[in-house]
Amino acid sequence: MNQKEIRKELREILDKERYRHSLSVERTAVALAKIYGVDKNKVSLAALLHDCAKYMDGDQLLKEARKRKLKLDPIFKKQPRLLHGIIGAFIAKERFRVKDKSILAAISHHTSGRPGMSKLEEIIYMADHIEPGRDYKNVKKIRKIAKKDLNKTIALVAEEMLKYLLEKGKVIYPLTLATRNHYLELAEGKRSE
């Protein structure tokens, strides 16, 4: 499936706001790919498809996870929307015929991140959280840092996510905290060199 066909299908399954967000994440991710020397075609495809499961509600995501016999963290039962990246990777593979495992991993991990992400995963994670449609307290500062320091940016993005979840009284997926700690250690190690 080529990107024109993918865009057409995404336009049909996602609401207008989510589709615009996906295009904005794509532009942001491609700009970051140029800075960090990552394949722009892979980045573009992963960014376009990162939210391809967002048309599903929480019950549908849980049903898909059970159908695929995925081991579910108890947090997913409380916050099933966290599954949209994981289920999105399956949809990207099956519906959009994406075979590249690095692209599928970037889609799967774009919400919480994970320690030791590939550069492609890092870019999709960052782009999703700093694209121009995002408007949270420190986003402008984080956008500037994103052009210079991947590790620090990821640590800051994860930290902002943790603050948001705490403010809203929501459960915290441990992988978000692990991502923040891992990339904070990398960023601090980089500064002390």
N, C-alpha and C. Protein backbone atom coordinates (compact mmCIF):
# COMPACT_ATOMS: atom_id res chain seq x y z
N MET A 1 0.85 -1.18 0.00
CA MET A 1 0.00 0.00 0.00
C MET A 1 0.89 1.24 0.00
N ASN A 2 0.68 2.16 -0.92
CA ASN A 2 1.51 3.36 -0.94
C ASN A 2 0.95 4.44 -0.01
N GLN A 3 1.74 5.50 0.17
CA GLN A 3 1.34 6.50 1.16
C GLN A 3 0.07 7.25 0.77
N LYS A 4 -0.16 7.43 -0.51
CA LYS A 4 -1.39 8.09 -0.95
C LYS A 4 -2.61 7.26 -0.54
N GLU A 5 -2.53 5.95 -0.75
CA GLU A 5 -3.62 5.05 -0.36
C GLU A 5 -3.79 5.02 1.16
N ILE A 6 -2.66 5.04 1.88
CA ILE A 6 -2.71 5.04 3.35
C ILE A 6 -3.39 6.30 3.86
N ARG A 7 -3.01 7.44 3.30
CA ARG A 7 -3.63 8.71 3.72
C ARG A 7 -5.14 8.68 3.47
N LYS A 8 -5.53 8.18 2.30
CA LYS A 8 -6.96 8.11 1.96
C LYS A 8 -7.71 7.24 2.97
N GLU A 9 -7.16 6.10 3.28
CA GLU A 9 -7.83 5.20 4.22
C GLU A 9 -7.85 5.78 5.64
N LEU A 10 -6.76 6.40 6.04
CA LEU A 10 -6.73 7.03 7.37
C LEU A 10 -7.77 8.13 7.46
N ARG A 11 -7.92 8.90 6.39
CA ARG A 11 -8.91 9.97 6.36
C ARG A 11 -10.32 9.40 6.57
N GLU A 12 -10.53 8.17 6.11
CA GLU A 12 -11.85 7.54 6.25
C GLU A 12 -12.09 6.96 7.65
N ILE A 13 -11.04 6.46 8.31
CA ILE A 13 -11.26 5.80 9.60
C ILE A 13 -11.04 6.70 10.82
N LEU A 14 -10.26 7.77 10.66
CA LEU A 14 -9.98 8.66 11.79
C LEU A 14 -10.85 9.91 11.70
N ASP A 15 -11.16 10.48 12.86
CA ASP A 15 -11.88 11.75 12.81
C ASP A 15 -10.93 12.84 12.30
N LYS A 16 -11.48 13.98 11.90
CA LYS A 16 -10.67 15.05 11.26
C LYS A 16 -9.51 15.50 12.15
N GLU A 17 -9.79 15.68 13.42
CA GLU A 17 -8.77 16.16 14.35
C GLU A 17 -7.62 15.15 14.47
N ARG A 18 -7.94 13.88 14.57
CA ARG A 18 -6.92 12.84 14.70
C ARG A 18 -6.12 12.71 13.40
N TYR A 19 -6.80 12.84 12.28
CA TYR A 19 -6.10 12.79 10.99
C TYR A 19 -5.13 13.96 10.86
N ARG A 20 -5.60 15.16 11.21
CA ARG A 20 -4.70 16.35 11.17
C ARG A 20 -3.51 16.15 12.10
N HIS A 21 -3.77 15.60 13.27
CA HIS A 21 -2.69 15.31 14.22
C HIS A 21 -1.68 14.36 13.59
N SER A 22 -2.13 13.32 12.93
CA SER A 22 -1.23 12.35 12.30
C SER A 22 -0.37 13.02 11.24
N LEU A 23 -0.95 13.92 10.44
CA LEU A 23 -0.17 14.64 9.43
C LEU A 23 0.85 15.58 10.08
N SER A 24 0.47 16.19 11.18
CA SER A 24 1.37 17.08 11.90
C SER A 24 2.52 16.31 12.53
N VAL A 25 2.21 15.14 13.09
CA VAL A 25 3.26 14.27 13.65
C VAL A 25 4.21 13.85 12.52
N GLU A 26 3.66 13.55 11.36
CA GLU A 26 4.51 13.17 10.23
C GLU A 26 5.48 14.30 9.87
N ARG A 27 4.98 15.52 9.72
CA ARG A 27 5.86 16.66 9.38
C ARG A 27 6.94 16.86 10.44
N THR A 28 6.54 16.80 11.69
CA THR A 28 7.49 16.98 12.80
C THR A 28 8.53 15.87 12.80
N ALA A 29 8.09 14.64 12.61
CA ALA A 29 8.99 13.49 12.63
C ALA A 29 9.98 13.54 11.46
N VAL A 30 9.52 13.92 10.29
CA VAL A 30 10.42 14.01 9.13
C VAL A 30 11.49 15.09 9.37
N ALA A 31 11.09 16.20 9.97
CA ALA A 31 12.07 17.25 10.30
C ALA A 31 13.11 16.72 11.29
N LEU A 32 12.67 15.97 12.29
CA LEU A 32 13.60 15.39 13.25
C LEU A 32 14.48 14.32 12.60
N ALA A 33 13.91 13.57 11.67
CA ALA A 33 14.69 12.53 10.97
C ALA A 33 15.86 13.15 10.21
N LYS A 34 15.64 14.32 9.63
CA LYS A 34 16.72 15.02 8.92
C LYS A 34 17.84 15.41 9.88
N ILE A 35 17.47 15.86 11.06
CA ILE A 35 18.46 16.28 12.07
C ILE A 35 19.27 15.08 12.55
N TYR A 36 18.58 13.96 12.80
CA TYR A 36 19.23 12.81 13.43
C TYR A 36 19.62 11.69 12.47
N GLY A 37 19.49 11.93 11.17
CA GLY A 37 19.96 10.98 10.18
C GLY A 37 19.21 9.66 10.15
N VAL A 38 17.90 9.72 10.29
CA VAL A 38 17.07 8.52 10.26
C VAL A 38 16.30 8.50 8.94
N ASP A 39 16.07 7.32 8.39
CA ASP A 39 15.38 7.14 7.12
C ASP A 39 14.03 7.88 7.12
N LYS A 40 13.91 8.88 6.26
CA LYS A 40 12.70 9.71 6.23
C LYS A 40 11.46 8.93 5.80
N ASN A 41 11.64 7.95 4.92
CA ASN A 41 10.48 7.17 4.46
C ASN A 41 9.90 6.32 5.59
N LYS A 42 10.79 5.70 6.38
CA LYS A 42 10.32 4.90 7.52
C LYS A 42 9.65 5.79 8.56
N VAL A 43 10.28 6.93 8.82
CA VAL A 43 9.74 7.87 9.81
C VAL A 43 8.37 8.37 9.36
N SER A 44 8.25 8.72 8.09
CA SER A 44 6.99 9.23 7.56
C SER A 44 5.87 8.19 7.71
N LEU A 45 6.16 6.95 7.35
CA LEU A 45 5.15 5.90 7.44
C LEU A 45 4.75 5.61 8.89
N ALA A 46 5.74 5.51 9.77
CA ALA A 46 5.44 5.26 11.19
C ALA A 46 4.62 6.40 11.79
N ALA A 47 4.96 7.63 11.44
CA ALA A 47 4.24 8.79 11.97
C ALA A 47 2.80 8.82 11.46
N LEU A 48 2.63 8.58 10.18
CA LEU A 48 1.28 8.56 9.61
C LEU A 48 0.39 7.54 10.32
N LEU A 49 0.96 6.37 10.61
CA LEU A 49 0.18 5.25 11.14
C LEU A 49 0.19 5.14 12.67
N HIS A 50 0.89 6.04 13.36
CA HIS A 50 1.06 5.85 14.80
C HIS A 50 -0.28 5.79 15.56
N ASP A 51 -1.28 6.49 15.08
CA ASP A 51 -2.60 6.50 15.75
C ASP A 51 -3.67 5.78 14.93
N CYS A 52 -3.27 4.84 14.10
CA CYS A 52 -4.24 4.18 13.21
C CYS A 52 -5.29 3.36 13.96
N ALA A 53 -5.10 3.10 15.24
CA ALA A 53 -6.11 2.38 16.03
C ALA A 53 -6.94 3.32 16.90
N LYS A 54 -6.75 4.61 16.77
CA LYS A 54 -7.47 5.57 17.61
C LYS A 54 -8.97 5.64 17.32
N TYR A 55 -9.39 5.05 16.24
CA TYR A 55 -10.83 5.03 15.96
C TYR A 55 -11.56 4.05 16.88
N MET A 56 -10.81 3.18 17.55
CA MET A 56 -11.43 2.20 18.45
C MET A 56 -11.60 2.79 19.85
N ASP A 57 -12.68 2.41 20.51
CA ASP A 57 -12.84 2.82 21.91
C ASP A 57 -12.13 1.80 22.80
N GLY A 58 -12.13 2.05 24.08
CA GLY A 58 -11.42 1.19 25.02
C GLY A 58 -11.87 -0.26 24.99
N ASP A 59 -13.17 -0.48 24.92
CA ASP A 59 -13.69 -1.86 24.87
C ASP A 59 -13.22 -2.59 23.62
N GLN A 60 -13.22 -1.89 22.49
CA GLN A 60 -12.76 -2.50 21.23
C GLN A 60 -11.28 -2.85 21.31
N LEU A 61 -10.49 -1.96 21.91
CA LEU A 61 -9.05 -2.22 22.04
C LEU A 61 -8.80 -3.44 22.92
N LEU A 62 -9.53 -3.53 24.03
CA LEU A 62 -9.39 -4.70 24.91
C LEU A 62 -9.80 -5.98 24.18
N LYS A 63 -10.88 -5.91 23.42
CA LYS A 63 -11.35 -7.06 22.66
C LYS A 63 -10.28 -7.51 21.65
N GLU A 64 -9.68 -6.54 20.95
CA GLU A 64 -8.61 -6.86 20.00
C GLU A 64 -7.41 -7.50 20.70
N ALA A 65 -7.07 -6.96 21.86
CA ALA A 65 -5.92 -7.50 22.62
C ALA A 65 -6.20 -8.95 23.04
N ARG A 66 -7.40 -9.20 23.50
CA ARG A 66 -7.76 -10.57 23.93
C ARG A 66 -7.79 -11.52 22.72
N LYS A 67 -8.33 -11.03 21.61
CA LYS A 67 -8.39 -11.84 20.40
C LYS A 67 -6.99 -12.26 19.96
N ARG A 68 -6.02 -11.38 20.19
CA ARG A 68 -4.63 -11.66 19.79
C ARG A 68 -3.84 -12.35 20.91
N LYS A 69 -4.55 -12.64 22.00
CA LYS A 69 -3.95 -13.32 23.16
C LYS A 69 -2.74 -12.57 23.72
N LEU A 70 -2.86 -11.25 23.78
CA LEU A 70 -1.79 -10.43 24.33
C LEU A 70 -1.83 -10.50 25.85
N LYS A 71 -0.67 -10.53 26.45
CA LYS A 71 -0.58 -10.48 27.90
C LYS A 71 -0.88 -9.03 28.31
N LEU A 72 -1.93 -8.87 29.09
CA LEU A 72 -2.37 -7.52 29.43
C LEU A 72 -1.92 -7.10 30.83
N ASP A 73 -1.22 -6.00 30.88
CA ASP A 73 -0.88 -5.37 32.15
C ASP A 73 -2.21 -4.96 32.79
N PRO A 74 -2.38 -5.12 34.10
CA PRO A 74 -3.65 -4.72 34.74
C PRO A 74 -4.03 -3.26 34.47
N ILE A 75 -3.04 -2.42 34.23
CA ILE A 75 -3.33 -1.00 33.95
C ILE A 75 -4.14 -0.85 32.66
N PHE A 76 -3.91 -1.74 31.69
CA PHE A 76 -4.66 -1.67 30.44
C PHE A 76 -6.16 -1.85 30.67
N LYS A 77 -6.51 -2.61 31.68
CA LYS A 77 -7.93 -2.81 31.97
C LYS A 77 -8.55 -1.53 32.53
N LYS A 78 -7.74 -0.74 33.24
CA LYS A 78 -8.22 0.54 33.78
C LYS A 78 -8.11 1.66 32.75
N GLN A 79 -7.09 1.60 31.91
CA GLN A 79 -6.84 2.62 30.88
C GLN A 79 -6.63 1.93 29.52
N PRO A 80 -7.68 1.35 28.96
CA PRO A 80 -7.51 0.59 27.72
C PRO A 80 -7.02 1.41 26.53
N ARG A 81 -7.19 2.72 26.58
CA ARG A 81 -6.70 3.56 25.47
C ARG A 81 -5.18 3.47 25.32
N LEU A 82 -4.50 3.05 26.39
CA LEU A 82 -3.05 2.84 26.29
C LEU A 82 -2.69 1.77 25.27
N LEU A 83 -3.64 0.93 24.93
CA LEU A 83 -3.40 -0.15 23.98
C LEU A 83 -3.38 0.31 22.53
N HIS A 84 -3.73 1.56 22.25
CA HIS A 84 -3.89 1.95 20.84
C HIS A 84 -2.60 1.84 20.03
N GLY A 85 -1.45 2.02 20.66
CA GLY A 85 -0.19 1.85 19.93
C GLY A 85 0.10 0.40 19.62
N ILE A 86 -0.10 -0.44 20.61
CA ILE A 86 0.15 -1.88 20.45
C ILE A 86 -0.79 -2.46 19.40
N ILE A 87 -2.08 -2.15 19.52
CA ILE A 87 -3.06 -2.64 18.55
C ILE A 87 -2.81 -1.97 17.19
N GLY A 88 -2.40 -0.71 17.23
CA GLY A 88 -2.08 0.01 15.99
C GLY A 88 -0.99 -0.68 15.18
N ALA A 89 -0.01 -1.26 15.86
CA ALA A 89 1.05 -1.98 15.15
C ALA A 89 0.47 -3.19 14.42
N PHE A 90 -0.48 -3.88 15.03
CA PHE A 90 -1.15 -5.01 14.36
C PHE A 90 -1.94 -4.53 13.14
N ILE A 91 -2.65 -3.42 13.32
CA ILE A 91 -3.44 -2.87 12.21
C ILE A 91 -2.52 -2.43 11.07
N ALA A 92 -1.42 -1.79 11.42
CA ALA A 92 -0.47 -1.35 10.40
C ALA A 92 0.04 -2.55 9.59
N LYS A 93 0.30 -3.63 10.29
CA LYS A 93 0.80 -4.85 9.63
C LYS A 93 -0.28 -5.51 8.77
N GLU A 94 -1.47 -5.65 9.33
CA GLU A 94 -2.52 -6.41 8.66
C GLU A 94 -3.31 -5.58 7.64
N ARG A 95 -3.74 -4.41 8.03
CA ARG A 95 -4.60 -3.61 7.15
C ARG A 95 -3.79 -2.77 6.16
N PHE A 96 -2.65 -2.23 6.64
CA PHE A 96 -1.86 -1.34 5.79
C PHE A 96 -0.62 -2.03 5.21
N ARG A 97 -0.48 -3.31 5.51
CA ARG A 97 0.58 -4.17 4.95
C ARG A 97 2.01 -3.68 5.21
N VAL A 98 2.25 -3.15 6.40
CA VAL A 98 3.59 -2.75 6.80
C VAL A 98 4.33 -3.98 7.30
N LYS A 99 5.48 -4.24 6.73
CA LYS A 99 6.25 -5.43 7.11
C LYS A 99 7.47 -5.08 7.95
N ASP A 100 7.93 -3.86 7.86
CA ASP A 100 9.16 -3.44 8.53
C ASP A 100 8.96 -3.43 10.05
N LYS A 101 9.72 -4.28 10.75
CA LYS A 101 9.57 -4.42 12.21
C LYS A 101 9.94 -3.15 12.96
N SER A 102 10.87 -2.36 12.42
CA SER A 102 11.25 -1.12 13.11
C SER A 102 10.10 -0.10 13.08
N ILE A 103 9.36 -0.07 11.99
CA ILE A 103 8.20 0.82 11.89
C ILE A 103 7.11 0.34 12.85
N LEU A 104 6.87 -0.95 12.87
CA LEU A 104 5.85 -1.51 13.76
C LEU A 104 6.20 -1.25 15.23
N ALA A 105 7.49 -1.36 15.57
CA ALA A 105 7.92 -1.08 16.95
C ALA A 105 7.69 0.39 17.30
N ALA A 106 7.96 1.28 16.36
CA ALA A 106 7.75 2.71 16.61
C ALA A 106 6.27 3.01 16.86
N ILE A 107 5.40 2.37 16.11
CA ILE A 107 3.96 2.55 16.32
C ILE A 107 3.56 1.99 17.68
N SER A 108 4.04 0.81 17.98
CA SER A 108 3.68 0.13 19.23
C SER A 108 4.10 0.91 20.47
N HIS A 109 5.26 1.57 20.43
CA HIS A 109 5.81 2.21 21.64
C HIS A 109 5.66 3.73 21.68
N HIS A 110 4.88 4.30 20.78
CA HIS A 110 4.84 5.77 20.73
C HIS A 110 4.13 6.41 21.92
N THR A 111 3.33 5.68 22.65
CA THR A 111 2.58 6.28 23.75
C THR A 111 3.41 6.37 25.03
N SER A 112 3.96 5.26 25.47
CA SER A 112 4.71 5.24 26.73
C SER A 112 6.21 5.32 26.52
N GLY A 113 6.66 5.04 25.30
CA GLY A 113 8.09 4.89 25.09
C GLY A 113 8.55 3.61 25.76
N ARG A 114 9.85 3.42 25.76
CA ARG A 114 10.45 2.29 26.47
C ARG A 114 11.94 2.57 26.57
N PRO A 115 12.60 2.03 27.58
CA PRO A 115 14.05 2.19 27.65
C PRO A 115 14.72 1.54 26.43
N GLY A 116 15.71 2.20 25.88
CA GLY A 116 16.48 1.63 24.79
C GLY A 116 15.78 1.62 23.45
N MET A 117 14.95 2.60 23.18
CA MET A 117 14.28 2.67 21.89
C MET A 117 15.29 2.88 20.76
N SER A 118 14.92 2.47 19.56
CA SER A 118 15.72 2.79 18.37
C SER A 118 15.53 4.29 18.07
N LYS A 119 16.38 4.84 17.23
CA LYS A 119 16.24 6.26 16.84
C LYS A 119 14.88 6.50 16.19
N LEU A 120 14.42 5.56 15.39
CA LEU A 120 13.10 5.69 14.76
C LEU A 120 12.01 5.76 15.83
N GLU A 121 12.04 4.87 16.80
CA GLU A 121 11.06 4.89 17.88
C GLU A 121 11.13 6.21 18.65
N GLU A 122 12.34 6.66 18.93
CA GLU A 122 12.53 7.91 19.67
C GLU A 122 11.90 9.09 18.93
N ILE A 123 12.12 9.14 17.63
CA ILE A 123 11.59 10.25 16.84
C ILE A 123 10.07 10.23 16.82
N ILE A 124 9.45 9.07 16.67
CA ILE A 124 7.98 9.01 16.65
C ILE A 124 7.43 9.37 18.03
N TYR A 125 8.05 8.87 19.07
CA TYR A 125 7.64 9.21 20.43
C TYR A 125 7.69 10.73 20.65
N MET A 126 8.82 11.33 20.28
CA MET A 126 8.97 12.79 20.46
C MET A 126 7.99 13.56 19.60
N ALA A 127 7.91 13.21 18.31
CA ALA A 127 7.06 13.96 17.38
C ALA A 127 5.60 13.95 17.83
N ASP A 128 5.14 12.83 18.34
CA ASP A 128 3.76 12.74 18.82
C ASP A 128 3.50 13.73 19.95
N HIS A 129 4.50 13.97 20.76
CA HIS A 129 4.32 14.82 21.94
C HIS A 129 4.69 16.29 21.73
N ILE A 130 5.37 16.60 20.62
CA ILE A 130 5.80 18.00 20.43
C ILE A 130 5.28 18.61 19.14
N GLU A 131 4.47 17.88 18.39
CA GLU A 131 3.95 18.44 17.13
C GLU A 131 3.23 19.76 17.42
N PRO A 132 3.14 20.65 16.40
CA PRO A 132 2.60 21.99 16.64
C PRO A 132 1.21 22.06 17.27
N GLY A 133 0.40 21.03 17.15
CA GLY A 133 -0.93 21.04 17.76
C GLY A 133 -0.91 20.82 19.27
N ARG A 134 0.21 20.38 19.80
CA ARG A 134 0.31 20.16 21.25
C ARG A 134 0.52 21.51 21.95
N ASP A 135 -0.18 21.68 23.05
CA ASP A 135 -0.08 22.95 23.77
C ASP A 135 -0.12 22.68 25.27
N TYR A 136 1.04 22.40 25.83
CA TYR A 136 1.15 22.24 27.27
C TYR A 136 2.28 23.14 27.75
N LYS A 137 2.40 23.29 29.04
CA LYS A 137 3.24 24.30 29.66
C LYS A 137 4.66 24.42 29.06
N ASN A 138 5.40 23.34 28.98
CA ASN A 138 6.80 23.42 28.57
C ASN A 138 7.07 22.98 27.13
N VAL A 139 6.03 22.87 26.32
CA VAL A 139 6.22 22.30 24.98
C VAL A 139 7.14 23.14 24.09
N LYS A 140 7.08 24.45 24.19
CA LYS A 140 7.95 25.30 23.34
C LYS A 140 9.42 25.06 23.68
N LYS A 141 9.72 25.00 24.96
CA LYS A 141 11.09 24.73 25.40
C LYS A 141 11.54 23.35 24.94
N ILE A 142 10.66 22.36 25.07
CA ILE A 142 10.99 20.99 24.67
C ILE A 142 11.21 20.90 23.16
N ARG A 143 10.44 21.65 22.38
CA ARG A 143 10.64 21.65 20.92
C ARG A 143 12.04 22.14 20.56
N LYS A 144 12.52 23.14 21.25
CA LYS A 144 13.88 23.65 20.98
C LYS A 144 14.94 22.61 21.34
N ILE A 145 14.76 21.97 22.47
CA ILE A 145 15.72 20.95 22.92
C ILE A 145 15.72 19.76 21.96
N ALA A 146 14.56 19.45 21.37
CA ALA A 146 14.43 18.31 20.46
C ALA A 146 15.37 18.42 19.26
N LYS A 147 15.74 19.62 18.89
CA LYS A 147 16.63 19.82 17.75
C LYS A 147 18.09 19.57 18.10
N LYS A 148 18.37 19.39 19.41
CA LYS A 148 19.77 19.23 19.85
C LYS A 148 20.05 17.97 20.64
N ASP A 149 19.06 17.47 21.38
CA ASP A 149 19.34 16.40 22.35
C ASP A 149 18.15 15.45 22.47
N LEU A 150 18.26 14.30 21.82
CA LEU A 150 17.20 13.29 21.86
C LEU A 150 16.92 12.81 23.28
N ASN A 151 17.97 12.45 23.99
CA ASN A 151 17.80 11.86 25.32
C ASN A 151 17.10 12.81 26.28
N LYS A 152 17.54 14.06 26.30
CA LYS A 152 16.94 15.04 27.20
C LYS A 152 15.48 15.29 26.81
N THR A 153 15.22 15.36 25.52
CA THR A 153 13.85 15.59 25.06
C THR A 153 12.93 14.47 25.50
N ILE A 154 13.37 13.24 25.31
CA ILE A 154 12.52 12.10 25.70
C ILE A 154 12.27 12.08 27.20
N ALA A 155 13.30 12.37 27.98
CA ALA A 155 13.13 12.44 29.44
C ALA A 155 12.11 13.52 29.81
N LEU A 156 12.21 14.68 29.16
CA LEU A 156 11.29 15.78 29.46
C LEU A 156 9.86 15.47 29.02
N VAL A 157 9.71 14.86 27.85
CA VAL A 157 8.37 14.48 27.37
C VAL A 157 7.72 13.50 28.33
N ALA A 158 8.49 12.49 28.74
CA ALA A 158 7.95 11.50 29.69
C ALA A 158 7.60 12.16 31.02
N GLU A 159 8.43 13.08 31.45
CA GLU A 159 8.16 13.80 32.70
C GLU A 159 6.87 14.62 32.61
N GLU A 160 6.67 15.29 31.50
CA GLU A 160 5.44 16.05 31.31
C GLU A 160 4.22 15.13 31.32
N MET A 161 4.37 13.96 30.71
CA MET A 161 3.28 12.99 30.71
C MET A 161 2.98 12.53 32.14
N LEU A 162 4.02 12.28 32.91
CA LEU A 162 3.83 11.85 34.30
C LEU A 162 3.13 12.95 35.11
N LYS A 163 3.54 14.20 34.92
CA LYS A 163 2.89 15.32 35.63
C LYS A 163 1.41 15.39 35.27
N TYR A 164 1.11 15.25 33.99
CA TYR A 164 -0.27 15.30 33.52
C TYR A 164 -1.10 14.18 34.18
N LEU A 165 -0.55 12.97 34.18
CA LEU A 165 -1.28 11.83 34.76
C LEU A 165 -1.51 12.01 36.26
N LEU A 166 -0.49 12.55 36.95
CA LEU A 166 -0.64 12.81 38.38
C LEU A 166 -1.70 13.88 38.64
N GLU A 167 -1.66 14.97 37.84
CA GLU A 167 -2.65 16.04 38.00
C GLU A 167 -4.07 15.54 37.78
N LYS A 168 -4.24 14.63 36.83
CA LYS A 168 -5.56 14.10 36.49
C LYS A 168 -5.97 12.93 37.38
N GLY A 169 -5.05 12.49 38.25
CA GLY A 169 -5.35 11.38 39.14
C GLY A 169 -5.48 10.05 38.42
N LYS A 170 -4.75 9.89 37.32
CA LYS A 170 -4.83 8.66 36.53
C LYS A 170 -3.71 7.70 36.93
N VAL A 171 -3.93 6.43 36.64
CA VAL A 171 -2.90 5.45 36.91
C VAL A 171 -1.72 5.70 35.95
N ILE A 172 -0.54 5.32 36.42
CA ILE A 172 0.67 5.51 35.61
C ILE A 172 1.18 4.16 35.15
N TYR A 173 1.33 4.05 33.85
CA TYR A 173 1.88 2.84 33.25
C TYR A 173 3.37 2.82 33.57
N PRO A 174 3.88 1.79 34.21
CA PRO A 174 5.29 1.75 34.64
C PRO A 174 6.31 2.00 33.51
N LEU A 175 5.95 1.66 32.28
CA LEU A 175 6.88 1.87 31.18
C LEU A 175 7.15 3.36 30.92
N THR A 176 6.17 4.21 31.22
CA THR A 176 6.37 5.66 31.07
C THR A 176 7.43 6.14 32.06
N LEU A 177 7.34 5.67 33.29
CA LEU A 177 8.33 6.02 34.31
C LEU A 177 9.70 5.44 33.95
N ALA A 178 9.73 4.21 33.49
CA ALA A 178 10.99 3.58 33.11
C ALA A 178 11.64 4.33 31.94
N THR A 179 10.82 4.79 31.01
CA THR A 179 11.33 5.58 29.87
C THR A 179 11.96 6.87 30.38
N ARG A 180 11.25 7.56 31.25
CA ARG A 180 11.77 8.82 31.79
C ARG A 180 13.09 8.60 32.51
N ASN A 181 13.16 7.60 33.37
CA ASN A 181 14.39 7.36 34.14
C ASN A 181 15.55 6.96 33.23
N HIS A 182 15.31 6.10 32.28
CA HIS A 182 16.36 5.64 31.36
C HIS A 182 16.95 6.82 30.58
N TYR A 183 16.07 7.63 29.99
CA TYR A 183 16.56 8.73 29.16
C TYR A 183 17.11 9.88 29.99
N LEU A 184 16.64 10.04 31.21
CA LEU A 184 17.23 11.03 32.11
C LEU A 184 18.67 10.63 32.43
N GLU A 185 18.88 9.36 32.73
CA GLU A 185 20.25 8.88 32.99
C GLU A 185 21.15 9.09 31.79
N LEU A 186 20.65 8.80 30.59
CA LEU A 186 21.44 9.01 29.38
C LEU A 186 21.75 10.49 29.18
N ALA A 187 20.76 11.35 29.40
CA ALA A 187 20.96 12.80 29.23
C ALA A 187 21.97 13.33 30.23
N GLU A 188 21.88 12.88 31.47
CA GLU A 188 22.83 13.34 32.49
C GLU A 188 24.22 12.80 32.22
N GLY A 189 24.33 11.58 31.73
CA GLY A 189 25.62 11.01 31.37
C GLY A 189 26.25 11.79 30.24
N LYS A 190 25.43 12.22 29.31
CA LYS A 190 25.91 12.99 28.16
C LYS A 190 26.46 14.33 28.61
N ARG A 191 25.78 14.97 29.58
CA ARG A 191 26.22 16.29 30.06
C ARG A 191 27.52 16.21 30.84
N SER A 192 27.76 15.07 31.50
CA SER A 192 28.96 14.99 32.35
C SER A 192 30.20 14.55 31.58
N GLU A 193 30.05 14.25 30.29
CA GLU A 193 31.20 13.81 29.50
C GLU A 193 32.13 14.96 29.15
